[in-house]
């Protein structure tokens, strides 16, 4: 049987999540199209030959499976709605009920393709409360290109990757004293720095860090982080979800003012301690590496680079599966109105039960 897939995004950082899925779909001879419901994502996919420019084209396309790397999806288009996630659970802040917002159920999805045991257990608990979807652990498509792992980066001098989140109170990129210290270190000739900033950060902030460019510091304006992960020996970050992606390589991460005192990270709170933390991280302390190993066993225990394959296999199987045991999705009127307003397309049509094609 021939299947039509839609990769549904909002922001440019979702493109590296969809591309391994696209490759897997095309390798099977199926059809795949891209769509973004926001301008940021539209710009990121405009050079692709297979993107749909507006919601009317999406409706006419009539996808069988919608792979969603954002928090919401148009409920009125055809297809099984599958959440493939736009990041790991970064644990930036707990909610009032001390349950992380990563596990919030918005009532749009039929299937959650989870990244590992910690994500699976969280959504399985939610599924018991909201039995209108199912959960399948597959691993995360974005990190497929990371595998097989390189033993170590082949650098003439230590290479440190700097990454930052976009929330101002959590982001190291806003800290002038951190900027000054990295500027100083970049001139010592002891380290090589590569840096990326979240696409949502202000342009003037990016320009500020770009101004540091020299033979020991290179700013990269990209959402394709995996080539940079492979080049780096350690990471310096705040609470960005890039931390979890980087840790899959069993490489240490130094965090600045992280919300939680995780034992698999090296935590600092002042710029005066940055260089000492770098030296510690570059020594690859055995207790730290052991803690990282324990953490990623629960985060993402898949090192075969075949998570996209598991996602596509699982989606096709679930598409044909009897779903009569699942309840209808919630009315969700406010969220449905917001997605219609965002897309400029108003309709009463809504798929309240999981899309199914009988075998």
Protein backbone atom coordinates (compact mmCIF):
# COMPACT_ATOMS: atom_id res chain seq x y z
CA UNK A 1 0.00 0.00 0.00
CA UNK A 2 1.18 3.52 -0.76
CA UNK A 3 1.14 6.06 2.07
CA UNK A 4 1.14 9.86 2.08
CA UNK A 5 3.03 11.51 4.94
CA UNK A 6 3.02 15.12 6.07
CA UNK A 7 5.81 16.60 8.23
CA UNK A 8 4.15 19.42 10.18
CA UNK A 9 6.35 22.05 11.89
CA UNK A 10 6.25 25.58 13.25
CA UNK A 11 9.87 26.64 13.68
CA UNK A 12 13.13 26.17 11.78
CA UNK A 13 14.66 24.06 14.55
CA UNK A 14 12.21 21.28 13.67
CA UNK A 15 13.73 20.74 10.21
CA UNK A 16 16.55 18.45 11.49
CA UNK A 17 13.87 16.40 13.24
CA UNK A 18 11.88 15.90 10.05
CA UNK A 19 14.72 15.24 7.63
CA UNK A 20 15.70 11.76 8.93
CA UNK A 21 12.00 10.85 8.81
CA UNK A 22 11.78 12.18 5.26
CA UNK A 23 14.75 10.03 4.22
CA UNK A 24 13.18 6.94 5.74
CA UNK A 25 9.82 7.60 4.05
CA UNK A 26 11.39 8.18 0.64
CA UNK A 27 13.56 5.07 0.98
CA UNK A 28 10.33 3.06 1.09
CA UNK A 29 8.88 4.73 -1.98
CA UNK A 30 6.14 6.61 -0.12
CA UNK A 31 5.17 10.27 -0.60
CA UNK A 32 6.11 12.99 1.89
CA UNK A 33 5.33 16.71 2.00
CA UNK A 34 6.29 19.50 4.43
CA UNK A 35 4.09 22.20 5.97
CA UNK A 36 4.70 24.94 8.53
CA UNK A 37 1.96 26.86 10.31
CA UNK A 38 4.29 29.78 11.15
CA UNK A 39 6.43 32.05 9.00
CA UNK A 40 9.67 31.03 10.72
CA UNK A 41 9.19 27.43 9.65
CA UNK A 42 7.96 28.41 6.18
CA UNK A 43 11.24 30.22 5.51
CA UNK A 44 13.19 27.17 6.63
CA UNK A 45 11.47 24.82 4.16
CA UNK A 46 10.93 27.17 1.20
CA UNK A 47 13.85 25.67 -0.69
CA UNK A 48 12.39 22.18 -0.49
CA UNK A 49 10.62 20.96 -3.62
CA UNK A 50 7.96 19.14 -1.59
CA UNK A 51 6.55 21.81 0.72
CA UNK A 52 2.92 22.88 0.79
CA UNK A 53 2.51 26.64 0.86
CA UNK A 54 -0.86 26.93 2.62
CA UNK A 55 -3.47 24.98 4.55
CA UNK A 56 -5.70 24.54 1.51
CA UNK A 57 -2.93 22.60 -0.21
CA UNK A 58 -2.59 20.47 2.93
CA UNK A 59 -6.31 19.65 2.91
CA UNK A 60 -6.18 18.77 -0.79
CA UNK A 61 -3.12 16.57 -0.20
CA UNK A 62 -5.12 14.39 2.24
CA UNK A 63 -2.23 12.87 4.20
CA UNK A 64 -2.54 9.45 5.81
CA UNK A 65 -0.03 10.21 8.58
CA UNK A 66 0.92 13.61 10.01
CA UNK A 67 4.29 13.67 11.80
CA UNK A 68 4.22 16.71 14.08
CA UNK A 69 7.34 18.36 15.53
CA UNK A 70 5.46 21.13 17.30
CA UNK A 71 2.91 21.37 20.12
CA UNK A 72 -0.30 21.59 18.08
CA UNK A 73 -1.62 20.47 14.72
CA UNK A 74 -4.63 21.34 12.56
CA UNK A 75 -7.27 18.92 13.81
CA UNK A 76 -9.39 19.31 10.67
CA UNK A 77 -6.89 17.83 8.20
CA UNK A 78 -6.95 14.13 7.44
CA UNK A 79 -4.42 11.66 8.75
CA UNK A 80 -3.22 10.02 11.91
CA UNK A 81 -1.82 12.80 14.13
CA UNK A 82 1.55 11.71 15.53
CA UNK A 83 3.68 13.67 18.00
CA UNK A 84 7.40 13.18 17.29
CA UNK A 85 8.55 16.03 19.59
CA UNK A 86 10.63 19.15 18.98
CA UNK A 87 13.06 18.49 21.82
CA UNK A 88 13.99 16.39 24.80
CA UNK A 89 12.48 17.19 28.17
CA UNK A 90 14.96 19.89 29.19
CA UNK A 91 13.51 20.18 32.72
CA UNK A 92 13.82 23.94 32.70
CA UNK A 93 11.03 24.52 35.19
CA UNK A 94 8.42 22.39 36.96
CA UNK A 95 4.75 23.28 36.75
CA UNK A 96 2.68 24.25 39.77
CA UNK A 97 1.77 20.59 40.25
CA UNK A 98 5.46 19.62 40.00
CA UNK A 99 4.81 17.73 36.76
CA UNK A 100 6.93 18.89 33.85
CA UNK A 101 5.13 20.72 31.09
CA UNK A 102 6.74 18.33 28.60
CA UNK A 103 3.93 15.90 29.46
CA UNK A 104 1.07 18.35 28.90
CA UNK A 105 -1.75 16.79 26.88
CA UNK A 106 -3.24 19.27 24.43
CA UNK A 107 -5.81 16.95 22.88
CA UNK A 108 -4.51 16.99 19.29
CA UNK A 109 -2.60 13.72 18.96
CA UNK A 110 -3.51 10.07 18.35
CA UNK A 111 -0.03 8.63 18.92
CA UNK A 112 3.02 9.79 20.86
CA UNK A 113 6.32 8.38 19.57
CA UNK A 114 8.43 8.73 22.69
CA UNK A 115 12.20 9.06 22.97
CA UNK A 116 12.99 6.71 25.86
CA UNK A 117 11.77 5.29 29.18
CA UNK A 118 11.49 8.64 31.00
CA UNK A 119 9.33 10.13 28.25
CA UNK A 120 7.36 6.92 27.80
CA UNK A 121 6.49 6.59 31.49
CA UNK A 122 5.34 10.22 31.63
CA UNK A 123 3.00 9.87 28.68
CA UNK A 124 1.79 6.44 29.72
CA UNK A 125 0.70 7.99 33.03
CA UNK A 126 -1.12 10.71 31.09
CA UNK A 127 -2.71 8.12 28.80
CA UNK A 128 -4.33 6.50 31.82
CA UNK A 129 -5.98 9.84 32.61
CA UNK A 130 -6.78 10.77 29.00
CA UNK A 131 -7.39 7.52 27.06
CA UNK A 132 -7.81 9.07 23.61
CA UNK A 133 -4.27 8.29 22.40
CA UNK A 134 -1.60 5.61 22.52
CA UNK A 135 2.10 5.73 23.34
CA UNK A 136 4.91 4.00 21.45
CA UNK A 137 8.59 4.18 22.38
CA UNK A 138 10.67 4.60 19.23
CA UNK A 139 13.61 6.87 19.99
CA UNK A 140 13.98 10.32 18.44
CA UNK A 141 14.54 10.88 14.73
CA UNK A 142 16.67 14.00 15.18
CA UNK A 143 19.58 12.09 16.71
CA UNK A 144 19.73 9.33 14.08
CA UNK A 145 22.62 11.10 12.26
CA UNK A 146 24.59 11.15 15.53
CA UNK A 147 25.14 7.40 15.30
CA UNK A 148 27.36 5.48 15.16
CA UNK A 149 29.21 7.51 17.77
CA UNK A 150 32.73 8.72 17.13
CA UNK A 151 35.15 7.67 19.85
CA UNK A 152 36.33 11.23 20.37
CA UNK A 153 36.67 14.53 18.54
CA UNK A 154 39.97 14.84 16.70
CA UNK A 155 40.94 18.38 17.70
CA UNK A 156 44.42 19.95 17.93
CA UNK A 157 43.19 21.80 21.03
CA UNK A 158 40.07 21.41 23.20
CA UNK A 159 36.91 22.42 21.38
CA UNK A 160 34.04 23.74 23.46
CA UNK A 161 30.54 24.08 22.06
CA UNK A 162 28.42 26.88 23.55
CA UNK A 163 24.63 26.60 23.33
CA UNK A 164 21.88 28.68 24.90
CA UNK A 165 18.13 28.63 25.36
CA UNK A 166 15.85 31.55 24.42
CA UNK A 167 14.16 32.27 27.79
CA UNK A 168 15.89 35.42 29.00
CA UNK A 169 16.08 34.56 32.70
CA UNK A 170 17.56 31.14 31.88
CA UNK A 171 19.83 32.06 28.99
CA UNK A 172 23.58 32.54 29.42
CA UNK A 173 23.63 34.49 26.15
CA UNK A 174 22.15 37.50 27.96
CA UNK A 175 24.86 37.55 30.65
CA UNK A 176 27.46 40.26 29.99
CA UNK A 177 29.92 38.77 32.49
CA UNK A 178 29.73 35.40 30.73
CA UNK A 179 30.29 37.13 27.40
CA UNK A 180 33.35 38.92 28.77
CA UNK A 181 34.85 35.71 30.15
CA UNK A 182 34.35 33.78 26.91
CA UNK A 183 35.85 36.72 25.03
CA UNK A 184 38.91 36.56 27.31
CA UNK A 185 39.28 32.79 27.00
CA UNK A 186 38.96 32.95 23.22
CA UNK A 187 42.06 35.14 23.13
CA UNK A 188 44.24 32.86 25.27
CA UNK A 189 44.71 30.38 22.41
CA UNK A 190 44.03 27.55 24.89
CA UNK A 191 40.57 26.64 23.56
CA UNK A 192 38.59 26.55 20.36
CA UNK A 193 34.97 27.70 20.71
CA UNK A 194 32.01 26.94 18.45
CA UNK A 195 28.68 28.57 19.30
CA UNK A 196 25.02 28.35 18.36
CA UNK A 197 22.08 30.32 19.71
CA UNK A 198 18.41 29.45 19.74
CA UNK A 199 16.61 30.76 16.62
CA UNK A 200 14.14 32.68 18.80
CA UNK A 201 16.84 34.85 20.40
CA UNK A 202 16.95 38.51 19.29
CA UNK A 203 19.09 39.36 16.27
CA UNK A 204 21.05 42.00 18.20
CA UNK A 205 22.07 39.37 20.75
CA UNK A 206 23.26 37.05 18.01
CA UNK A 207 25.21 39.90 16.42
CA UNK A 208 26.86 40.61 19.78
CA UNK A 209 28.20 37.05 20.03
CA UNK A 210 29.10 36.95 16.35
CA UNK A 211 31.38 39.92 16.99
CA UNK A 212 33.65 37.56 18.95
CA UNK A 213 34.58 35.65 15.79
CA UNK A 214 38.32 35.05 15.66
CA UNK A 215 40.67 32.12 15.01
CA UNK A 216 39.52 30.53 18.30
CA UNK A 217 35.82 31.42 18.20
CA UNK A 218 33.28 30.64 15.47
CA UNK A 219 29.59 31.52 15.62
CA UNK A 220 27.35 29.16 13.62
CA UNK A 221 23.93 30.37 12.49
CA UNK A 222 22.35 26.95 12.05
CA UNK A 223 19.76 24.56 13.46
CA UNK A 224 21.74 21.51 12.31
CA UNK A 225 23.62 20.86 15.55
CA UNK A 226 24.81 17.29 15.16
CA UNK A 227 27.90 18.12 13.03
CA UNK A 228 28.88 20.58 15.78
CA UNK A 229 28.23 18.02 18.52
CA UNK A 230 30.66 15.67 16.82
CA UNK A 231 33.36 18.35 16.59
CA UNK A 232 33.14 19.37 20.26
CA UNK A 233 34.93 17.80 23.24
CA UNK A 234 32.59 19.34 25.82
CA UNK A 235 29.58 21.68 25.92
CA UNK A 236 28.92 24.89 27.84
CA UNK A 237 25.20 25.62 28.18
CA UNK A 238 22.36 26.77 30.43
CA UNK A 239 19.08 24.81 30.38
CA UNK A 240 18.78 24.25 26.63
CA UNK A 241 17.49 20.86 25.50
CA UNK A 242 20.63 20.61 23.34
CA UNK A 243 22.29 19.40 26.53
CA UNK A 244 20.47 16.08 26.40
CA UNK A 245 21.30 15.61 22.73
CA UNK A 246 24.98 16.29 23.37
CA UNK A 247 25.14 13.92 26.36
CA UNK A 248 24.23 10.97 24.13
CA UNK A 249 27.89 11.08 23.02
CA UNK A 250 29.04 10.51 26.63
CA UNK A 251 30.73 13.91 26.57
CA UNK A 252 30.58 16.23 29.63
CA UNK A 253 28.48 19.38 29.83
CA UNK A 254 29.16 22.44 31.99
CA UNK A 255 25.94 24.30 32.84
CA UNK A 256 25.50 27.90 33.95
CA UNK A 257 22.74 28.49 36.51
CA UNK A 258 20.83 25.32 35.63
CA UNK A 259 17.49 24.97 37.42
CA UNK A 260 18.21 21.50 38.81
CA UNK A 261 21.35 20.01 40.38
CA UNK A 262 21.55 16.93 38.15
CA UNK A 263 24.51 14.68 38.94
CA UNK A 264 25.31 14.13 35.27
CA UNK A 265 26.20 17.81 34.73
CA UNK A 266 28.96 20.10 36.02
CA UNK A 267 27.17 23.06 37.59
CA UNK A 268 28.53 26.59 37.99
CA UNK A 269 26.94 29.92 38.88
CA UNK A 270 29.65 32.55 38.40
CA UNK A 271 31.86 33.53 35.45
CA UNK A 272 34.99 33.21 37.62
CA UNK A 273 34.47 29.43 37.77
CA UNK A 274 34.01 28.87 34.03
CA UNK A 275 37.60 27.98 33.12
CA UNK A 276 38.08 25.63 36.08
CA UNK A 277 34.84 23.87 35.11
CA UNK A 278 36.08 23.52 31.53
CA UNK A 279 39.30 21.91 32.77
CA UNK A 280 37.35 19.49 34.94
CA UNK A 281 35.02 18.57 32.09
CA UNK A 282 37.91 18.03 29.68
CA UNK A 283 39.40 15.49 32.09
CA UNK A 284 36.30 13.31 31.58
CA UNK A 285 35.92 12.37 35.29
CA UNK A 286 34.91 8.70 35.59
CA UNK A 287 32.13 9.28 38.19
CA UNK A 288 30.60 11.95 35.93
CA UNK A 289 30.72 9.71 32.83
CA UNK A 290 29.09 6.93 34.84
CA UNK A 291 26.27 9.31 35.83
CA UNK A 292 25.84 10.36 32.19
CA UNK A 293 25.59 6.70 31.15
CA UNK A 294 22.87 6.07 33.74
CA UNK A 295 20.96 9.15 32.63
CA UNK A 296 20.94 8.42 28.90
CA UNK A 297 19.88 4.81 29.51
CA UNK A 298 16.56 6.29 30.58
CA UNK A 299 16.58 9.28 28.22
CA UNK A 300 17.32 7.60 24.87
CA UNK A 301 18.66 4.01 24.98
CA UNK A 302 18.85 3.72 21.19
CA UNK A 303 22.28 3.93 19.60
CA UNK A 304 21.55 2.28 16.27
CA UNK A 305 20.46 5.39 14.35
CA UNK A 306 17.17 3.69 13.43
CA UNK A 307 14.64 5.68 15.43
CA UNK A 308 13.09 7.06 12.23
CA UNK A 309 12.55 3.51 11.03
CA UNK A 310 10.78 2.63 14.28
CA UNK A 311 8.60 5.74 14.00
CA UNK A 312 7.48 4.95 10.45
CA UNK A 313 6.93 1.25 11.23
CA UNK A 314 4.90 2.17 14.30
CA UNK A 315 2.82 4.80 12.54
CA UNK A 316 1.85 2.47 9.69
CA UNK A 317 0.95 -0.32 12.11
CA UNK A 318 -1.14 2.04 14.25
CA UNK A 319 -2.84 3.50 11.16
CA UNK A 320 -4.34 0.07 10.45
CA UNK A 321 -4.91 -0.95 14.06
CA UNK A 322 -8.38 -1.21 15.60
CA UNK A 323 -8.72 1.90 17.78
CA UNK A 324 -12.31 1.46 18.89
CA UNK A 325 -11.13 1.25 22.51
CA UNK A 326 -9.88 4.85 22.40
CA UNK A 327 -12.19 7.62 23.55
CA UNK A 328 -12.94 10.72 21.53
CA UNK A 329 -10.53 13.60 21.84
CA UNK A 330 -11.65 16.49 24.06
CA UNK A 331 -13.66 19.30 22.49
CA UNK A 332 -10.69 21.59 23.00
CA UNK A 333 -12.59 24.57 21.60
CA UNK A 334 -10.15 27.32 22.60
CA UNK A 335 -7.10 25.55 21.17
CA UNK A 336 -9.01 24.61 18.01
CA UNK A 337 -10.04 28.22 17.53
CA UNK A 338 -6.43 29.38 17.98
CA UNK A 339 -5.10 26.96 15.36
CA UNK A 340 -7.81 28.11 12.91
CA UNK A 341 -6.98 31.74 13.59
CA UNK A 342 -3.27 31.04 13.09
CA UNK A 343 -3.94 29.40 9.74
CA UNK A 344 -6.66 31.81 8.66
CA UNK A 345 -8.96 28.89 7.92
CA UNK A 346 -12.23 28.39 9.78
CA UNK A 347 -14.17 25.16 9.62
CA UNK A 348 -16.36 23.05 11.89
CA UNK A 349 -14.73 19.86 10.64
CA UNK A 350 -12.57 18.06 13.21
CA UNK A 351 -11.23 14.50 13.49
CA UNK A 352 -12.24 13.55 17.03
CA UNK A 353 -11.30 9.87 16.64
CA UNK A 354 -7.93 8.54 15.42
CA UNK A 355 -7.67 8.29 11.64
CA UNK A 356 -7.80 4.66 10.56
CA UNK A 357 -7.34 2.71 7.34
CA UNK A 358 -8.64 -0.80 7.63
CA UNK A 359 -6.29 -3.50 6.39
